[in-house]
Amino acid sequence: MSAPPAPSPAPPAGRFPGAPQGGALEGLTVIDLTMMLAGPYASMMLADQGARVIKVEPPGGDNTRRIGPWAEGQTRMEDGGYGAYFASINRNKRSVVLDLKSEDGKAALLRMIEQADVVIENYRLGVMDRLGLPWERLQEINPRLVYASVRGFGDRRGGASPYADWPAYDPIAQAMGGIMGITGPEKDGPPTKIGPGVGDIVPAMWAAFGVVSACWNAARTGRGQYVDVAMVDGVLALCERLVFQYGASGAAPGVEGNYHPLLHPFGLFRAKDGWFSLGIPKDLFWGRFTRRIDRPELEHDPRFATNDARLLNREAVTAFLEDWAGTRTRAEIAETLGGVIPFAPVYRADDIFADPHFAIREMLAAVEAPGADAPLTVAGTPVRMTGTPGGVRRRAPLIGEDTDEILAEFGFSTDQIAALRASGAVA
């Protein structure tokens, strides 16, 4: 393939086809080399706020395309797949397929990176180096570039971990990051994995935060930088209480059960028809609580009047609370405590779909699901901005759906795109 001509000027900020309009990050161009969950979730957060996120997929696509569940009427599509897992965390993005093992594919990517603001990847340590695309080379061709990686134990550029070469997924990060060691239904019982993939998602949030912070600095200085997030570090930061407790006392916190080690009552309790959460973080709420349940004499009872006293008498507090709650439904408890005492029923997905709060707050977003009989509902963005509203505006892309359009935006001619296809560098 002949050398391409000099790139044409980038399109005006936010005016590219399919752009989410009006977001705070409108005009920011992100080259997304991520797969699975952690990396795609980070770039999804940027896309939800209006960034131009271009998902660069290998031939065959992101592996999560082939992970279900599948919406009614949908099949495991031959052209890469479109499972709900992929659809949820790749909305608001567009897809181009490049074979980065080919020289032409790498040349095309470099041309895109030269015009971009951000690159995000979550490959195993050393993959980008072996491809001949290390951060140092990319910075040379684009000094303002912000480059972010999310790996199990980080990158040498942020600190060389002895575990840097270890593969890692969500449960690995949960285990070594500390969150499993303090989680479980019974105090001092066995550790428990957190349900959602917090070992991926929490580091992804830190990565998105790091990217926008670095972009703010690049806008002022003209210099980009490397943003290094280790999954285990992200989880540890989430467990900040674990650190200061051990730092102050020298005692390592263990599994805490469904209660709080420093506050009581503060946790999960059983009602007649299921579980609910109750939080009484200060004595003011304790007084209100005792009056609402018609036990005003307990407000000043020396066994319960202060949080320290309630911690010392945790079993007595729990016993009378569950005696009271065990004869009442969660709806009845909500009628008594709701709006006055921090209270919430423990919801399942069907409860969430039925509650008007989540619809009003646009947390249940319907997107097209190719091949399905009806739209697919995915979680919306919790970041609500009054002046630059983000949100879910576009379904996740089919594999390579936008290849020609994207390459044209980066200055490739029709003949050059055809030559790339003929060489197998793009699909």
Protein backbone atom coordinates (compact mmCIF):
# COMPACT_ATOMS: atom_id res chain seq x y z
CA MET A 1 0.00 0.00 0.00
CA SER A 2 1.36 3.41 -0.93
CA ALA A 3 1.97 6.01 1.73
CA PRO A 4 -1.21 7.98 2.47
CA PRO A 5 -1.29 11.73 1.89
CA ALA A 6 -1.09 14.13 4.81
CA PRO A 7 -4.23 13.88 6.94
CA SER A 8 -7.02 16.30 6.29
CA PRO A 9 -8.06 18.61 9.14
CA ALA A 10 -10.10 16.95 11.87
CA PRO A 11 -13.86 17.58 11.63
CA PRO A 12 -15.26 20.46 13.66
CA ALA A 13 -15.69 19.60 17.34
CA GLY A 14 -18.66 17.33 17.90
CA ARG A 15 -19.86 17.40 14.29
CA PHE A 16 -18.93 13.88 13.26
CA PRO A 17 -21.66 11.48 12.18
CA GLY A 18 -23.47 9.72 14.99
CA ALA A 19 -22.06 12.00 17.67
CA PRO A 20 -23.92 12.26 20.96
CA GLN A 21 -24.75 15.96 20.90
CA GLY A 22 -24.55 18.33 23.84
CA GLY A 23 -22.32 16.31 26.19
CA ALA A 24 -19.59 17.95 28.26
CA LEU A 25 -16.93 15.96 26.37
CA GLU A 26 -18.21 16.81 22.91
CA GLY A 27 -15.24 17.20 20.55
CA LEU A 28 -12.98 14.81 22.48
CA THR A 29 -11.77 11.95 20.26
CA VAL A 30 -11.06 8.64 22.00
CA ILE A 31 -9.43 5.65 20.31
CA ASP A 32 -10.79 2.68 22.24
CA LEU A 33 -8.63 -0.46 22.06
CA THR A 34 -10.39 -2.17 24.94
CA MET A 35 -12.18 -5.50 25.33
CA MET A 36 -14.24 -7.36 27.94
CA LEU A 37 -15.45 -5.09 30.80
CA ALA A 38 -12.96 -2.78 32.54
CA GLY A 39 -11.69 -0.89 29.50
CA PRO A 40 -15.01 -0.70 27.64
CA TYR A 41 -16.76 0.59 30.76
CA ALA A 42 -14.20 3.41 31.06
CA SER A 43 -14.63 4.47 27.43
CA MET A 44 -18.42 4.09 27.79
CA MET A 45 -18.37 6.68 30.56
CA LEU A 46 -16.61 9.10 28.21
CA ALA A 47 -19.01 8.29 25.36
CA ASP A 48 -22.03 8.88 27.60
CA GLN A 49 -20.79 12.43 28.14
CA GLY A 50 -20.46 13.13 24.43
CA ALA A 51 -16.93 12.01 23.55
CA ARG A 52 -16.32 10.63 20.06
CA VAL A 53 -15.38 7.07 21.00
CA ILE A 54 -14.09 4.87 18.19
CA LYS A 55 -13.95 1.22 19.15
CA VAL A 56 -11.08 -0.42 17.28
CA GLU A 57 -11.82 -4.15 17.17
CA PRO A 58 -9.66 -7.02 15.92
CA PRO A 59 -10.95 -9.33 13.19
CA GLY A 60 -13.77 -11.26 14.84
CA GLY A 61 -14.52 -8.44 17.26
CA ASP A 62 -14.58 -8.01 21.02
CA ASN A 63 -15.09 -11.39 22.72
CA THR A 64 -18.04 -10.05 24.72
CA ARG A 65 -20.07 -9.85 21.51
CA ARG A 66 -20.63 -13.57 21.87
CA ILE A 67 -21.67 -13.53 25.54
CA GLY A 68 -25.40 -13.56 26.29
CA PRO A 69 -28.07 -13.25 27.36
CA TRP A 70 -29.82 -12.80 24.04
CA ALA A 71 -32.95 -10.69 23.59
CA GLU A 72 -36.11 -12.37 22.35
CA GLY A 73 -35.86 -13.02 18.61
CA GLN A 74 -32.10 -12.47 18.56
CA THR A 75 -29.67 -15.15 17.46
CA ARG A 76 -25.96 -15.60 17.99
CA MET A 77 -25.16 -13.53 14.93
CA GLU A 78 -22.50 -14.88 12.61
CA ASP A 79 -20.98 -11.46 11.93
CA GLY A 80 -19.31 -11.01 15.31
CA GLY A 81 -22.31 -11.29 17.62
CA TYR A 82 -24.35 -8.81 19.62
CA GLY A 83 -25.08 -10.16 23.11
CA ALA A 84 -26.60 -8.01 25.83
CA TYR A 85 -23.26 -7.88 27.70
CA PHE A 86 -21.62 -6.14 24.74
CA ALA A 87 -24.64 -3.95 24.02
CA SER A 88 -24.77 -2.59 27.56
CA ILE A 89 -21.21 -1.23 27.84
CA ASN A 90 -20.51 -0.24 24.23
CA ARG A 91 -23.42 2.11 23.59
CA ASN A 92 -22.69 5.53 22.10
CA LYS A 93 -19.58 4.13 20.35
CA ARG A 94 -18.77 3.34 16.73
CA SER A 95 -16.76 0.37 15.45
CA VAL A 96 -13.88 -0.03 13.04
CA VAL A 97 -12.09 -3.34 12.49
CA LEU A 98 -8.30 -3.14 12.12
CA ASP A 99 -5.82 -6.00 12.05
CA LEU A 100 -3.04 -4.62 14.25
CA LYS A 101 -0.85 -7.59 13.41
CA SER A 102 -0.52 -6.23 9.88
CA GLU A 103 1.69 -3.28 9.00
CA ASP A 104 -1.10 -1.55 7.09
CA GLY A 105 -3.48 -1.96 10.03
CA LYS A 106 -0.95 -0.45 12.42
CA ALA A 107 -0.24 2.40 9.99
CA ALA A 108 -3.96 3.18 9.81
CA LEU A 109 -4.22 3.18 13.60
CA LEU A 110 -1.22 5.48 13.95
CA ARG A 111 -2.79 7.92 11.53
CA MET A 112 -5.94 7.95 13.66
CA ILE A 113 -3.99 8.34 16.90
CA GLU A 114 -2.11 11.29 15.42
CA GLN A 115 -5.43 13.16 15.31
CA ALA A 116 -6.93 11.82 18.54
CA ASP A 117 -6.99 13.11 22.11
CA VAL A 118 -7.11 9.83 24.04
CA VAL A 119 -6.14 6.17 23.69
CA ILE A 120 -7.50 3.59 26.14
CA GLU A 121 -6.44 -0.07 26.24
CA ASN A 122 -6.65 -2.96 28.70
CA TYR A 123 -4.41 -5.54 27.06
CA ARG A 124 -2.08 -7.77 29.05
CA LEU A 125 1.21 -6.11 29.96
CA GLY A 126 3.54 -5.86 26.96
CA VAL A 127 0.99 -6.41 24.17
CA MET A 128 1.21 -2.85 22.83
CA ASP A 129 5.00 -2.98 23.05
CA ARG A 130 5.08 -6.21 21.03
CA LEU A 131 2.81 -4.63 18.43
CA GLY A 132 5.32 -1.81 18.06
CA LEU A 133 2.83 0.68 19.54
CA PRO A 134 4.27 1.61 22.95
CA TRP A 135 3.22 4.80 24.71
CA GLU A 136 6.57 6.42 24.01
CA ARG A 137 6.14 6.03 20.23
CA LEU A 138 2.57 7.31 20.32
CA GLN A 139 3.61 10.33 22.38
CA GLU A 140 6.24 11.18 19.78
CA ILE A 141 3.66 11.37 17.00
CA ASN A 142 1.05 13.14 19.17
CA PRO A 143 2.59 15.01 22.15
CA ARG A 144 -0.83 16.02 23.52
CA LEU A 145 -2.09 12.43 23.61
CA VAL A 146 -3.53 11.07 26.86
CA TYR A 147 -2.91 7.31 27.05
CA ALA A 148 -4.72 5.19 29.64
CA SER A 149 -4.34 1.52 30.50
CA VAL A 150 -6.28 -0.66 32.92
CA ARG A 151 -4.44 -3.85 33.93
CA GLY A 152 -4.68 -6.23 36.84
CA PHE A 153 -1.55 -4.99 38.58
CA GLY A 154 -0.79 -1.84 36.62
CA ASP A 155 1.94 -0.81 34.22
CA ARG A 156 5.63 -0.24 34.89
CA ARG A 157 5.19 3.42 34.02
CA GLY A 158 3.12 3.88 37.15
CA GLY A 159 5.11 1.48 39.32
CA ALA A 160 6.53 -1.95 38.52
CA SER A 161 4.49 -4.49 40.51
CA PRO A 162 5.99 -7.93 41.24
CA TYR A 163 2.70 -9.31 39.87
CA ALA A 164 2.72 -7.23 36.69
CA ASP A 165 2.70 -10.30 34.44
CA TRP A 166 -0.17 -12.04 36.23
CA PRO A 167 -3.46 -12.26 34.33
CA ALA A 168 -6.38 -10.75 36.23
CA TYR A 169 -10.14 -10.56 36.03
CA ASP A 170 -12.82 -9.20 38.34
CA PRO A 171 -12.59 -11.87 41.10
CA ILE A 172 -8.80 -11.56 41.20
CA ALA A 173 -9.02 -7.81 41.78
CA GLN A 174 -11.79 -8.29 44.36
CA ALA A 175 -9.68 -10.82 46.24
CA MET A 176 -6.36 -8.96 46.37
CA GLY A 177 -7.91 -5.49 46.54
CA GLY A 178 -9.40 -6.36 49.93
CA ILE A 179 -13.12 -6.14 49.30
CA MET A 180 -13.79 -9.89 49.50
CA GLY A 181 -11.98 -10.14 52.83
CA ILE A 182 -14.50 -7.84 54.53
CA THR A 183 -17.62 -9.08 52.74
CA GLY A 184 -19.89 -11.95 53.70
CA PRO A 185 -23.31 -12.61 55.27
CA GLU A 186 -21.94 -13.71 58.64
CA LYS A 187 -19.43 -11.91 60.83
CA ASP A 188 -16.08 -13.72 60.71
CA GLY A 189 -17.55 -16.15 58.17
CA PRO A 190 -16.15 -17.03 54.74
CA PRO A 191 -15.46 -14.19 52.27
CA THR A 192 -17.97 -13.47 49.53
CA LYS A 193 -17.59 -12.19 45.99
CA ILE A 194 -19.46 -8.95 45.32
CA GLY A 195 -22.25 -9.53 42.79
CA PRO A 196 -21.44 -6.88 40.15
CA GLY A 197 -17.99 -6.90 38.57
CA VAL A 198 -16.59 -4.20 40.83
CA GLY A 199 -13.08 -5.55 40.21
CA ASP A 200 -13.51 -4.28 36.64
CA ILE A 201 -16.00 -1.44 36.98
CA VAL A 202 -14.41 0.48 39.86
CA PRO A 203 -10.98 0.62 38.14
CA ALA A 204 -12.80 1.68 34.97
CA MET A 205 -14.28 4.63 36.85
CA TRP A 206 -10.86 5.60 38.14
CA ALA A 207 -9.51 5.37 34.59
CA ALA A 208 -12.25 7.65 33.23
CA PHE A 209 -11.53 10.11 36.03
CA GLY A 210 -7.82 9.96 35.24
CA VAL A 211 -8.45 10.54 31.54
CA VAL A 212 -10.55 13.68 32.00
CA SER A 213 -8.04 14.98 34.58
CA ALA A 214 -5.16 14.43 32.16
CA CYS A 215 -7.14 15.99 29.30
CA TRP A 216 -7.72 19.12 31.37
CA ASN A 217 -3.98 19.34 31.97
CA ALA A 218 -3.21 18.70 28.28
CA ALA A 219 -5.58 21.47 27.24
CA ARG A 220 -3.55 23.91 29.36
CA THR A 221 -0.04 22.60 28.68
CA GLY A 222 -0.25 20.91 25.29
CA ARG A 223 1.32 17.77 26.78
CA GLY A 224 -0.41 14.47 27.30
CA GLN A 225 0.59 11.79 29.77
CA TYR A 226 0.21 8.14 30.71
CA VAL A 227 -2.73 7.24 32.99
CA ASP A 228 -1.98 3.92 34.73
CA VAL A 229 -4.74 2.16 36.70
CA ALA A 230 -4.25 -1.22 38.37
CA MET A 231 -7.47 -3.12 39.00
CA VAL A 232 -6.36 -4.20 42.47
CA ASP A 233 -5.47 -0.60 43.33
CA GLY A 234 -8.89 0.61 42.22
CA VAL A 235 -10.61 -1.90 44.48
CA LEU A 236 -8.34 -1.07 47.41
CA ALA A 237 -9.16 2.63 47.03
CA LEU A 238 -12.84 1.67 47.25
CA CYS A 239 -12.05 -0.12 50.55
CA GLU A 240 -10.57 2.98 52.17
CA ARG A 241 -12.09 2.14 55.56
CA LEU A 242 -10.13 -1.11 55.62
CA VAL A 243 -6.89 0.85 55.28
CA PHE A 244 -7.45 3.48 57.94
CA GLN A 245 -8.87 0.95 60.39
CA TYR A 246 -5.75 -1.19 60.17
CA GLY A 247 -3.50 1.87 60.04
CA ALA A 248 -4.99 3.23 63.25
CA SER A 249 -5.49 0.03 65.23
CA GLY A 250 -3.13 -2.56 63.79
CA ALA A 251 -6.06 -4.99 63.69
CA ALA A 252 -7.00 -6.35 60.25
CA PRO A 253 -10.77 -6.08 59.67
CA GLY A 254 -12.43 -9.34 58.68
CA VAL A 255 -15.78 -10.32 57.23
CA GLU A 256 -18.30 -7.95 58.74
CA GLY A 257 -21.60 -9.61 57.89
CA ASN A 258 -24.59 -7.45 57.03
CA TYR A 259 -23.84 -4.86 59.70
CA HIS A 260 -21.44 -1.95 60.01
CA PRO A 261 -18.43 -2.32 62.33
CA LEU A 262 -18.66 1.28 63.57
CA LEU A 263 -22.40 2.07 63.53
CA HIS A 264 -25.56 0.28 64.71
CA PRO A 265 -28.22 -0.32 63.57
CA PHE A 266 -26.73 0.13 60.10
CA GLY A 267 -27.24 -2.74 57.66
CA LEU A 268 -29.69 -5.41 56.57
CA PHE A 269 -32.68 -6.69 58.55
CA ARG A 270 -35.50 -9.08 57.76
CA ALA A 271 -39.13 -8.03 57.40
CA LYS A 272 -42.16 -10.28 57.05
CA ASP A 273 -41.80 -10.41 53.26
CA GLY A 274 -38.09 -9.92 52.63
CA TRP A 275 -35.03 -7.87 53.46
CA PHE A 276 -34.63 -4.14 53.99
CA SER A 277 -31.75 -1.79 54.71
CA LEU A 278 -31.78 0.55 57.69
CA GLY A 279 -29.18 3.18 58.53
CA ILE A 280 -29.00 5.09 61.80
CA PRO A 281 -25.64 6.85 61.64
CA LYS A 282 -26.28 9.31 64.48
CA ASP A 283 -28.26 9.56 67.68
CA LEU A 284 -30.71 12.07 66.24
CA PHE A 285 -32.05 9.36 63.93
CA TRP A 286 -32.21 6.91 66.84
CA GLY A 287 -34.59 9.21 68.68
CA ARG A 288 -36.78 9.60 65.62
CA PHE A 289 -36.73 5.87 65.05
CA THR A 290 -37.88 4.99 68.57
CA ARG A 291 -40.76 7.44 68.33
CA ARG A 292 -41.84 6.20 64.90
CA ILE A 293 -42.08 2.61 66.18
CA ASP A 294 -43.90 3.69 69.37
CA ARG A 295 -41.01 2.85 71.67
CA PRO A 296 -40.05 6.36 72.90
CA GLU A 297 -38.66 4.99 76.16
CA LEU A 298 -35.75 3.49 74.24
CA GLU A 299 -34.48 6.88 73.08
CA HIS A 300 -32.80 7.63 76.41
CA ASP A 301 -32.26 4.07 77.62
CA PRO A 302 -28.55 4.02 78.60
CA ARG A 303 -28.09 0.73 76.74
CA PHE A 304 -29.11 2.35 73.42
CA ALA A 305 -28.99 6.14 73.74
CA THR A 306 -25.63 6.54 71.98
CA ASN A 307 -24.02 4.78 69.05
CA ASP A 308 -21.24 3.48 71.29
CA ALA A 309 -23.83 1.98 73.61
CA ARG A 310 -25.72 0.42 70.72
CA LEU A 311 -22.51 -1.15 69.44
CA LEU A 312 -21.87 -2.69 72.87
CA ASN A 313 -25.45 -3.99 72.91
CA ARG A 314 -25.66 -4.87 69.23
CA GLU A 315 -27.44 -8.20 69.77
CA ALA A 316 -30.16 -6.67 71.94
CA VAL A 317 -30.76 -3.88 69.42
CA THR A 318 -30.91 -6.33 66.54
CA ALA A 319 -33.25 -8.68 68.39
CA PHE A 320 -35.89 -6.10 69.25
CA LEU A 321 -35.63 -4.45 65.80
CA GLU A 322 -36.20 -7.77 64.01
CA ASP A 323 -39.01 -8.67 66.40
CA TRP A 324 -40.71 -5.44 65.41
CA ALA A 325 -39.97 -5.77 61.67
CA GLY A 326 -40.74 -9.50 61.46
CA THR A 327 -44.48 -8.92 61.82
CA ARG A 328 -44.59 -6.18 59.20
CA THR A 329 -44.18 -6.07 55.43
CA ARG A 330 -41.60 -3.85 53.81
CA ALA A 331 -44.41 -1.64 52.50
CA GLU A 332 -45.70 -1.19 56.04
CA ILE A 333 -42.20 -0.40 57.30
CA ALA A 334 -41.78 2.11 54.48
CA GLU A 335 -45.02 3.77 55.56
CA THR A 336 -43.65 4.08 59.10
CA LEU A 337 -40.03 5.04 58.40
CA GLY A 338 -39.84 6.32 54.81
CA GLY A 339 -38.83 9.95 54.47
CA VAL A 340 -37.84 10.19 58.14
CA ILE A 341 -35.33 7.39 58.80
CA PRO A 342 -32.79 6.16 56.20
CA PHE A 343 -34.61 3.07 54.92
CA ALA A 344 -34.89 1.08 51.70
CA PRO A 345 -36.24 -2.31 50.69
CA VAL A 346 -33.67 -4.61 49.09
CA TYR A 347 -34.60 -4.53 45.41
CA ARG A 348 -34.23 -7.12 42.69
CA ALA A 349 -34.25 -6.21 38.99
CA ASP A 350 -38.04 -6.55 38.70
CA ASP A 351 -38.48 -4.15 41.63
CA ILE A 352 -36.17 -1.64 39.97
CA PHE A 353 -38.07 -1.81 36.69
CA ALA A 354 -41.34 -1.18 38.58
CA ASP A 355 -40.14 1.78 40.66
CA PRO A 356 -40.85 5.22 39.11
CA HIS A 357 -37.62 6.69 40.48
CA PHE A 358 -35.47 4.89 37.92
CA ALA A 359 -37.71 5.79 34.99
CA ILE A 360 -37.85 9.46 35.99
CA ARG A 361 -34.07 9.55 36.37
CA GLU A 362 -33.59 7.85 32.96
CA MET A 363 -31.67 4.97 34.52
CA LEU A 364 -33.46 2.41 32.34
CA ALA A 365 -32.51 3.26 28.78
CA ALA A 366 -34.05 1.47 25.80
CA VAL A 367 -31.80 0.92 22.79
CA GLU A 368 -32.27 -0.91 19.52
CA ALA A 369 -31.11 -4.53 19.63
CA PRO A 370 -30.40 -5.71 16.06
CA GLY A 371 -32.44 -8.80 15.28
CA ALA A 372 -34.49 -8.62 18.48
CA ASP A 373 -38.26 -8.34 18.65
CA ALA A 374 -38.11 -5.33 20.98
CA PRO A 375 -35.61 -2.77 22.27
CA LEU A 376 -33.07 -3.82 24.90
CA THR A 377 -33.03 -2.02 28.25
CA VAL A 378 -29.58 -1.09 29.56
CA ALA A 379 -28.47 0.91 32.60
CA GLY A 380 -28.33 4.64 31.99
CA THR A 381 -25.69 7.05 33.22
CA PRO A 382 -26.07 8.31 36.80
CA VAL A 383 -24.26 11.56 35.97
CA ARG A 384 -26.95 14.19 35.44
CA MET A 385 -25.74 17.53 34.03
CA THR A 386 -28.10 20.45 33.55
CA GLY A 387 -26.10 22.32 30.92
CA THR A 388 -24.42 19.48 29.02
CA PRO A 389 -26.67 16.45 29.40
CA GLY A 390 -25.08 13.15 28.59
CA GLY A 391 -26.91 9.87 28.34
CA VAL A 392 -27.58 6.84 26.17
CA ARG A 393 -28.24 8.06 22.65
CA ARG A 394 -27.12 5.27 20.37
CA ARG A 395 -26.98 1.48 20.49
CA ALA A 396 -23.67 -0.35 20.52
CA PRO A 397 -22.26 -0.85 17.02
CA LEU A 398 -22.27 -3.95 14.92
CA ILE A 399 -18.75 -5.19 14.25
CA GLY A 400 -17.01 -2.87 11.80
CA GLU A 401 -20.30 -1.08 11.14
CA ASP A 402 -18.63 2.33 10.80
CA THR A 403 -15.26 1.38 9.31
CA ASP A 404 -15.48 3.29 6.04
CA GLU A 405 -17.11 6.32 7.63
CA ILE A 406 -14.51 6.53 10.40
CA LEU A 407 -11.53 6.13 8.09
CA ALA A 408 -12.92 8.85 5.82
CA GLU A 409 -13.18 11.18 8.83
CA PHE A 410 -9.47 10.66 9.44
CA GLY A 411 -8.58 11.64 5.89
CA PHE A 412 -8.44 8.27 4.09
CA SER A 413 -9.60 8.44 0.50
CA THR A 414 -12.00 5.95 -1.05
CA ASP A 415 -9.10 4.34 -2.91
CA GLN A 416 -7.01 4.06 0.24
CA ILE A 417 -9.89 2.43 2.13
CA ALA A 418 -10.34 -0.02 -0.71
CA ALA A 419 -6.63 -0.82 -0.63
CA LEU A 420 -6.76 -1.42 3.12
CA ARG A 421 -9.66 -3.82 2.63
CA ALA A 422 -7.85 -5.62 -0.17
CA SER A 423 -4.81 -6.11 2.05
CA GLY A 424 -6.95 -7.49 4.89
CA ALA A 425 -5.87 -4.71 7.23
CA VAL A 426 -9.47 -3.56 7.73
CA ALA A 427 -12.79 -5.36 7.66
